[in-house]
Amino acid sequence: VLDAAIPSVVAAMHLRAAAALGAGTSDAARAAHLA
């Protein structure tokens, strides 16, 4: 599913996911999305 998606769309979703998760216990997940 990821491989078939447009890379820029996937990157934008990772950024929105990092923003939506917020700080605190989700920092590791946020960092993974940013990377």
PDB file of all heavy atoms in Angstrom:
ATOM      1  N   VAL A   1       0.838  -1.203   0.000  1.00  0.00           N
ATOM      2  CA  VAL A   1       0.000   0.000   0.000  1.00  0.00           C
ATOM      3  C   VAL A   1       0.872   1.251   0.000  1.00  0.00           C
ATOM      4  O   VAL A   1       0.640   2.202  -0.754  1.00  0.00           O
ATOM      5  CB  VAL A   1      -0.957   0.002   1.210  1.00  0.00           C
ATOM      6  CG1 VAL A   1      -1.645   1.364   1.369  1.00  0.00           C
ATOM      7  CG2 VAL A   1      -2.001  -1.093   1.069  1.00  0.00           C
ATOM      8  N   LEU A   2       1.909   1.261   0.841  1.00  0.00           N
ATOM      9  CA  LEU A   2       2.829   2.397   0.884  1.00  0.00           C
ATOM     10  C   LEU A   2       3.614   2.516  -0.416  1.00  0.00           C
ATOM     11  O   LEU A   2       3.836   3.628  -0.922  1.00  0.00           O
ATOM     12  CB  LEU A   2       3.797   2.249   2.060  1.00  0.00           C
ATOM     13  CG  LEU A   2       3.200   2.412   3.456  1.00  0.00           C
ATOM     14  CD1 LEU A   2       4.252   2.112   4.514  1.00  0.00           C
ATOM     15  CD2 LEU A   2       2.650   3.822   3.640  1.00  0.00           C
ATOM     16  N   ASP A   3       4.036   1.383  -0.954  1.00  0.00           N
ATOM     17  CA  ASP A   3       4.841   1.375  -2.169  1.00  0.00           C
ATOM     18  C   ASP A   3       4.053   1.905  -3.358  1.00  0.00           C
ATOM     19  O   ASP A   3       4.615   2.532  -4.264  1.00  0.00           O
ATOM     20  CB  ASP A   3       5.323  -0.055  -2.450  1.00  0.00           C
ATOM     21  CG  ASP A   3       6.485  -0.093  -3.429  1.00  0.00           C
ATOM     22  OD1 ASP A   3       7.505   0.565  -3.158  1.00  0.00           O
ATOM     23  OD2 ASP A   3       6.371  -0.785  -4.456  1.00  0.00           O
ATOM     24  N   ALA A   4       2.735   1.672  -3.355  1.00  0.00           N
ATOM     25  CA  ALA A   4       1.886   2.098  -4.465  1.00  0.00           C
ATOM     26  C   ALA A   4       1.448   3.556  -4.338  1.00  0.00           C
ATOM     27  O   ALA A   4       0.962   4.144  -5.302  1.00  0.00           O
ATOM     28  CB  ALA A   4       0.655   1.190  -4.547  1.00  0.00           C
ATOM     29  N   ALA A   5       1.612   4.141  -3.159  1.00  0.00           N
ATOM     30  CA  ALA A   5       1.160   5.509  -2.927  1.00  0.00           C
ATOM     31  C   ALA A   5       2.171   6.521  -3.467  1.00  0.00           C
ATOM     32  O   ALA A   5       3.354   6.220  -3.637  1.00  0.00           O
ATOM     33  CB  ALA A   5       0.938   5.735  -1.433  1.00  0.00           C
ATOM     34  N   ILE A   6       1.714   7.737  -3.712  1.00  0.00           N
ATOM     35  CA  ILE A   6       2.592   8.819  -4.167  1.00  0.00           C
ATOM     36  C   ILE A   6       3.499   9.212  -3.007  1.00  0.00           C
ATOM     37  O   ILE A   6       3.007   9.509  -1.908  1.00  0.00           O
ATOM     38  CB  ILE A   6       1.762  10.029  -4.625  1.00  0.00           C
ATOM     39  CG1 ILE A   6       0.872   9.637  -5.802  1.00  0.00           C
ATOM     40  CG2 ILE A   6       2.669  11.197  -5.004  1.00  0.00           C
ATOM     41  CD1 ILE A   6      -0.125  10.698  -6.211  1.00  0.00           C
ATOM     42  N   PRO A   7       4.822   9.215  -3.183  1.00  0.00           N
ATOM     43  CA  PRO A   7       5.750   9.495  -2.075  1.00  0.00           C
ATOM     44  C   PRO A   7       5.467  10.800  -1.335  1.00  0.00           C
ATOM     45  O   PRO A   7       5.566  10.854  -0.115  1.00  0.00           O
ATOM     46  CB  PRO A   7       7.118   9.523  -2.766  1.00  0.00           C
ATOM     47  CG  PRO A   7       6.947   8.627  -3.951  1.00  0.00           C
ATOM     48  CD  PRO A   7       5.547   8.852  -4.421  1.00  0.00           C
ATOM     49  N   SER A   8       5.103  11.849  -2.067  1.00  0.00           N
ATOM     50  CA  SER A   8       4.841  13.133  -1.410  1.00  0.00           C
ATOM     51  C   SER A   8       3.605  13.057  -0.517  1.00  0.00           C
ATOM     52  O   SER A   8       3.541  13.718   0.533  1.00  0.00           O
ATOM     53  CB  SER A   8       4.663  14.245  -2.449  1.00  0.00           C
ATOM     54  OG  SER A   8       3.567  13.963  -3.320  1.00  0.00           O
ATOM     55  N   VAL A   9       2.636  12.238  -0.909  1.00  0.00           N
ATOM     56  CA  VAL A   9       1.430  12.054  -0.079  1.00  0.00           C
ATOM     57  C   VAL A   9       1.792  11.305   1.194  1.00  0.00           C
ATOM     58  O   VAL A   9       1.354  11.675   2.289  1.00  0.00           O
ATOM     59  CB  VAL A   9       0.350  11.274  -0.871  1.00  0.00           C
ATOM     60  CG1 VAL A   9      -0.804  10.879   0.049  1.00  0.00           C
ATOM     61  CG2 VAL A   9      -0.154  12.113  -2.033  1.00  0.00           C
ATOM     62  N   VAL A  10       2.622  10.268   1.064  1.00  0.00           N
ATOM     63  CA  VAL A  10       3.053   9.511   2.243  1.00  0.00           C
ATOM     64  C   VAL A  10       3.847  10.405   3.190  1.00  0.00           C
ATOM     65  O   VAL A  10       3.631  10.386   4.405  1.00  0.00           O
ATOM     66  CB  VAL A  10       3.903   8.292   1.808  1.00  0.00           C
ATOM     67  CG1 VAL A  10       4.470   7.572   3.033  1.00  0.00           C
ATOM     68  CG2 VAL A  10       3.062   7.326   0.984  1.00  0.00           C
ATOM     69  N   ALA A  11       4.757  11.214   2.653  1.00  0.00           N
ATOM     70  CA  ALA A  11       5.558  12.116   3.489  1.00  0.00           C
ATOM     71  C   ALA A  11       4.668  13.117   4.221  1.00  0.00           C
ATOM     72  O   ALA A  11       4.865  13.386   5.412  1.00  0.00           O
ATOM     73  CB  ALA A  11       6.587  12.851   2.632  1.00  0.00           C
ATOM     74  N   ALA A  12       3.675  13.655   3.521  1.00  0.00           N
ATOM     75  CA  ALA A  12       2.758  14.617   4.149  1.00  0.00           C
ATOM     76  C   ALA A  12       1.973  13.958   5.275  1.00  0.00           C
ATOM     77  O   ALA A  12       1.730  14.573   6.330  1.00  0.00           O
ATOM     78  CB  ALA A  12       1.812  15.196   3.110  1.00  0.00           C
ATOM     79  N   MET A  13       1.576  12.707   5.066  1.00  0.00           N
ATOM     80  CA  MET A  13       0.840  11.997   6.114  1.00  0.00           C
ATOM     81  C   MET A  13       1.730  11.742   7.333  1.00  0.00           C
ATOM     82  O   MET A  13       1.272  11.829   8.479  1.00  0.00           O
ATOM     83  CB  MET A  13       0.281  10.678   5.574  1.00  0.00           C
ATOM     84  CG  MET A  13      -0.913  10.843   4.659  1.00  0.00           C
ATOM     85  SD  MET A  13      -1.657   9.242   4.239  1.00  0.00           S
ATOM     86  CE  MET A  13      -3.068   9.776   3.259  1.00  0.00           C
ATOM     87  N   HIS A  14       3.003  11.419   7.102  1.00  0.00           N
ATOM     88  CA  HIS A  14       3.925  11.236   8.229  1.00  0.00           C
ATOM     89  C   HIS A  14       4.048  12.532   9.036  1.00  0.00           C
ATOM     90  O   HIS A  14       4.069  12.499  10.271  1.00  0.00           O
ATOM     91  CB  HIS A  14       5.300  10.805   7.721  1.00  0.00           C
ATOM     92  CG  HIS A  14       5.415   9.334   7.449  1.00  0.00           C
ATOM     93  ND1 HIS A  14       5.329   8.386   8.464  1.00  0.00           N
ATOM     94  CD2 HIS A  14       5.628   8.647   6.297  1.00  0.00           C
ATOM     95  CE1 HIS A  14       5.482   7.176   7.939  1.00  0.00           C
ATOM     96  NE2 HIS A  14       5.660   7.300   6.633  1.00  0.00           N
ATOM     97  N   LEU A  15       4.114  13.658   8.350  1.00  0.00           N
ATOM     98  CA  LEU A  15       4.219  14.944   9.052  1.00  0.00           C
ATOM     99  C   LEU A  15       2.950  15.238   9.850  1.00  0.00           C
ATOM    100  O   LEU A  15       3.021  15.701  10.992  1.00  0.00           O
ATOM    101  CB  LEU A  15       4.483  16.071   8.045  1.00  0.00           C
ATOM    102  CG  LEU A  15       5.886  16.120   7.441  1.00  0.00           C
ATOM    103  CD1 LEU A  15       5.981  17.217   6.395  1.00  0.00           C
ATOM    104  CD2 LEU A  15       6.929  16.347   8.533  1.00  0.00           C
ATOM    105  N   ARG A  16       1.790  14.979   9.249  1.00  0.00           N
ATOM    106  CA  ARG A  16       0.527  15.216   9.965  1.00  0.00           C
ATOM    107  C   ARG A  16       0.405  14.255  11.143  1.00  0.00           C
ATOM    108  O   ARG A  16      -0.124  14.620  12.198  1.00  0.00           O
ATOM    109  CB  ARG A  16      -0.660  15.073   9.016  1.00  0.00           C
ATOM    110  CG  ARG A  16      -0.789  16.217   8.031  1.00  0.00           C
ATOM    111  CD  ARG A  16      -2.182  16.305   7.433  1.00  0.00           C
ATOM    112  NE  ARG A  16      -2.463  15.195   6.539  1.00  0.00           N
ATOM    113  CZ  ARG A  16      -2.192  15.194   5.233  1.00  0.00           C
ATOM    114  NH1 ARG A  16      -1.609  16.232   4.674  1.00  0.00           N
ATOM    115  NH2 ARG A  16      -2.503  14.154   4.487  1.00  0.00           N
ATOM    116  N   ALA A  17       0.900  13.031  10.985  1.00  0.00           N
ATOM    117  CA  ALA A  17       0.860  12.068  12.090  1.00  0.00           C
ATOM    118  C   ALA A  17       1.738  12.552  13.239  1.00  0.00           C
ATOM    119  O   ALA A  17       1.350  12.477  14.406  1.00  0.00           O
ATOM    120  CB  ALA A  17       1.328  10.698  11.613  1.00  0.00           C
ATOM    121  N   ALA A  18       2.924  13.058  12.924  1.00  0.00           N
ATOM    122  CA  ALA A  18       3.827  13.571  13.961  1.00  0.00           C
ATOM    123  C   ALA A  18       3.185  14.728  14.703  1.00  0.00           C
ATOM    124  O   ALA A  18       3.288  14.835  15.934  1.00  0.00           O
ATOM    125  CB  ALA A  18       5.146  14.008  13.331  1.00  0.00           C
ATOM    126  N   ALA A  19       2.501  15.601  13.973  1.00  0.00           N
ATOM    127  CA  ALA A  19       1.847  16.740  14.604  1.00  0.00           C
ATOM    128  C   ALA A  19       0.649  16.303  15.448  1.00  0.00           C
ATOM    129  O   ALA A  19       0.407  16.842  16.533  1.00  0.00           O
ATOM    130  CB  ALA A  19       1.406  17.739  13.538  1.00  0.00           C
ATOM    131  N   ALA A  20      -0.093  15.319  14.951  1.00  0.00           N
ATOM    132  CA  ALA A  20      -1.308  14.878  15.646  1.00  0.00           C
ATOM    133  C   ALA A  20      -1.007  14.103  16.923  1.00  0.00           C
ATOM    134  O   ALA A  20      -1.798  14.135  17.871  1.00  0.00           O
ATOM    135  CB  ALA A  20      -2.164  14.029  14.712  1.00  0.00           C
ATOM    136  N   LEU A  21       0.134  13.422  16.957  1.00  0.00           N
ATOM    137  CA  LEU A  21       0.454  12.597  18.124  1.00  0.00           C
ATOM    138  C   LEU A  21       0.766  13.443  19.346  1.00  0.00           C
ATOM    139  O   LEU A  21       0.525  13.033  20.484  1.00  0.00           O
ATOM    140  CB  LEU A  21       1.638  11.675  17.815  1.00  0.00           C
ATOM    141  CG  LEU A  21       1.319  10.473  16.937  1.00  0.00           C
ATOM    142  CD1 LEU A  21       2.600   9.774  16.502  1.00  0.00           C
ATOM    143  CD2 LEU A  21       0.411   9.493  17.671  1.00  0.00           C
ATOM    144  N   GLY A  22       1.338  14.624  19.153  1.00  0.00           N
ATOM    145  CA  GLY A  22       1.651  15.482  20.294  1.00  0.00           C
ATOM    146  C   GLY A  22       2.858  15.003  21.065  1.00  0.00           C
ATOM    147  O   GLY A  22       3.445  13.960  20.784  1.00  0.00           O
ATOM    148  N   ALA A  23       3.245  15.790  22.061  1.00  0.00           N
ATOM    149  CA  ALA A  23       4.456  15.495  22.840  1.00  0.00           C
ATOM    150  C   ALA A  23       4.170  14.500  23.967  1.00  0.00           C
ATOM    151  O   ALA A  23       3.024  14.236  24.302  1.00  0.00           O
ATOM    152  CB  ALA A  23       5.023  16.784  23.413  1.00  0.00           C
ATOM    153  N   GLY A  24       5.273  13.982  24.541  1.00  0.00           N
ATOM    154  CA  GLY A  24       5.148  13.095  25.698  1.00  0.00           C
ATOM    155  C   GLY A  24       5.438  11.657  25.360  1.00  0.00           C
ATOM    156  O   GLY A  24       6.468  11.342  24.787  1.00  0.00           O
ATOM    157  N   THR A  25       4.510  10.779  25.712  1.00  0.00           N
ATOM    158  CA  THR A  25       4.751   9.343  25.558  1.00  0.00           C
ATOM    159  C   THR A  25       4.832   8.911  24.103  1.00  0.00           C
ATOM    160  O   THR A  25       5.298   7.814  23.816  1.00  0.00           O
ATOM    161  CB  THR A  25       3.631   8.545  26.254  1.00  0.00           C
ATOM    162  OG1 THR A  25       2.361   8.940  25.705  1.00  0.00           O
ATOM    163  CG2 THR A  25       3.622   8.807  27.752  1.00  0.00           C
ATOM    164  N   SER A  26       4.391   9.762  23.161  1.00  0.00           N
ATOM    165  CA  SER A  26       4.425   9.410  21.743  1.00  0.00           C
ATOM    166  C   SER A  26       5.666   9.938  21.047  1.00  0.00           C
ATOM    167  O   SER A  26       5.733   9.932  19.821  1.00  0.00           O
ATOM    168  CB  SER A  26       3.172   9.963  21.037  1.00  0.00           C
ATOM    169  OG  SER A  26       1.993   9.418  21.567  1.00  0.00           O
ATOM    170  N   ASP A  27       6.676  10.384  21.800  1.00  0.00           N
ATOM    171  CA  ASP A  27       7.850  11.000  21.183  1.00  0.00           C
ATOM    172  C   ASP A  27       8.578  10.054  20.237  1.00  0.00           C
ATOM    173  O   ASP A  27       9.054  10.467  19.173  1.00  0.00           O
ATOM    174  CB  ASP A  27       8.820  11.501  22.260  1.00  0.00           C
ATOM    175  CG  ASP A  27       8.356  12.809  22.890  1.00  0.00           C
ATOM    176  OD1 ASP A  27       7.471  13.463  22.298  1.00  0.00           O
ATOM    177  OD2 ASP A  27       8.873  13.178  23.961  1.00  0.00           O
ATOM    178  N   ALA A  28       8.692   8.787  20.594  1.00  0.00           N
ATOM    179  CA  ALA A  28       9.379   7.832  19.724  1.00  0.00           C
ATOM    180  C   ALA A  28       8.637   7.672  18.401  1.00  0.00           C
ATOM    181  O   ALA A  28       9.250   7.635  17.329  1.00  0.00           O
ATOM    182  CB  ALA A  28       9.532   6.490  20.425  1.00  0.00           C
ATOM    183  N   ALA A  29       7.313   7.570  18.476  1.00  0.00           N
ATOM    184  CA  ALA A  29       6.514   7.452  17.257  1.00  0.00           C
ATOM    185  C   ALA A  29       6.597   8.732  16.437  1.00  0.00           C
ATOM    186  O   ALA A  29       6.712   8.689  15.205  1.00  0.00           O
ATOM    187  CB  ALA A  29       5.060   7.149  17.605  1.00  0.00           C
ATOM    188  N   ARG A  30       6.559   9.877  17.102  1.00  0.00           N
ATOM    189  CA  ARG A  30       6.686  11.153  16.390  1.00  0.00           C
ATOM    190  C   ARG A  30       8.023  11.232  15.670  1.00  0.00           C
ATOM    191  O   ARG A  30       8.100  11.661  14.517  1.00  0.00           O
ATOM    192  CB  ARG A  30       6.562  12.321  17.379  1.00  0.00           C
ATOM    193  CG  ARG A  30       5.154  12.546  17.926  1.00  0.00           C
ATOM    194  CD  ARG A  30       5.178  13.649  18.972  1.00  0.00           C
ATOM    195  NE  ARG A  30       5.687  14.899  18.429  1.00  0.00           N
ATOM    196  CZ  ARG A  30       6.430  15.774  19.117  1.00  0.00           C
ATOM    197  NH1 ARG A  30       6.783  15.506  20.364  1.00  0.00           N
ATOM    198  NH2 ARG A  30       6.824  16.891  18.553  1.00  0.00           N
ATOM    199  N   ALA A  31       9.088  10.831  16.353  1.00  0.00           N
ATOM    200  CA  ALA A  31      10.417  10.869  15.743  1.00  0.00           C
ATOM    201  C   ALA A  31      10.484   9.959  14.523  1.00  0.00           C
ATOM    202  O   ALA A  31      11.072  10.320  13.501  1.00  0.00           O
ATOM    203  CB  ALA A  31      11.467  10.462  16.769  1.00  0.00           C
ATOM    204  N   ALA A  32       9.883   8.782  14.626  1.00  0.00           N
ATOM    205  CA  ALA A  32       9.887   7.846  13.496  1.00  0.00           C
ATOM    206  C   ALA A  32       9.150   8.449  12.303  1.00  0.00           C
ATOM    207  O   ALA A  32       9.589   8.296  11.153  1.00  0.00           O
ATOM    208  CB  ALA A  32       9.248   6.528  13.913  1.00  0.00           C
ATOM    209  N   HIS A  33       8.032   9.127  12.558  1.00  0.00           N
ATOM    210  CA  HIS A  33       7.287   9.764  11.465  1.00  0.00           C
ATOM    211  C   HIS A  33       8.099  10.899  10.844  1.00  0.00           C
ATOM    212  O   HIS A  33       8.112  11.065   9.623  1.00  0.00           O
ATOM    213  CB  HIS A  33       5.947  10.287  11.972  1.00  0.00           C
ATOM    214  CG  HIS A  33       4.921   9.221  12.206  1.00  0.00           C
ATOM    215  ND1 HIS A  33       4.492   8.361  11.215  1.00  0.00           N
ATOM    216  CD2 HIS A  33       4.233   8.869  13.322  1.00  0.00           C
ATOM    217  CE1 HIS A  33       3.590   7.524  11.700  1.00  0.00           C
ATOM    218  NE2 HIS A  33       3.420   7.813  12.977  1.00  0.00           N
ATOM    219  N   LEU A  34       8.769  11.688  11.670  1.00  0.00           N
ATOM    220  CA  LEU A  34       9.597  12.773  11.147  1.00  0.00           C
ATOM    221  C   LEU A  34      10.731  12.228  10.278  1.00  0.00           C
ATOM    222  O   LEU A  34      11.035  12.772   9.219  1.00  0.00           O
ATOM    223  CB  LEU A  34      10.161  13.605  12.305  1.00  0.00           C
ATOM    224  CG  LEU A  34       9.155  14.482  13.047  1.00  0.00           C
ATOM    225  CD1 LEU A  34       9.778  15.049  14.323  1.00  0.00           C
ATOM    226  CD2 LEU A  34       8.671  15.624  12.150  1.00  0.00           C
ATOM    227  N   ALA A  35      11.338  11.138  10.735  1.00  0.00           N
ATOM    228  CA  ALA A  35      12.416  10.525   9.956  1.00  0.00           C
ATOM    229  C   ALA A  35      11.886  10.009   8.619  1.00  0.00           C
ATOM    230  O   ALA A  35      12.530  10.170   7.574  1.00  0.00           O
ATOM    231  CB  ALA A  35      13.053   9.392  10.745  1.00  0.00           C
TER     232      ALA A  35
END
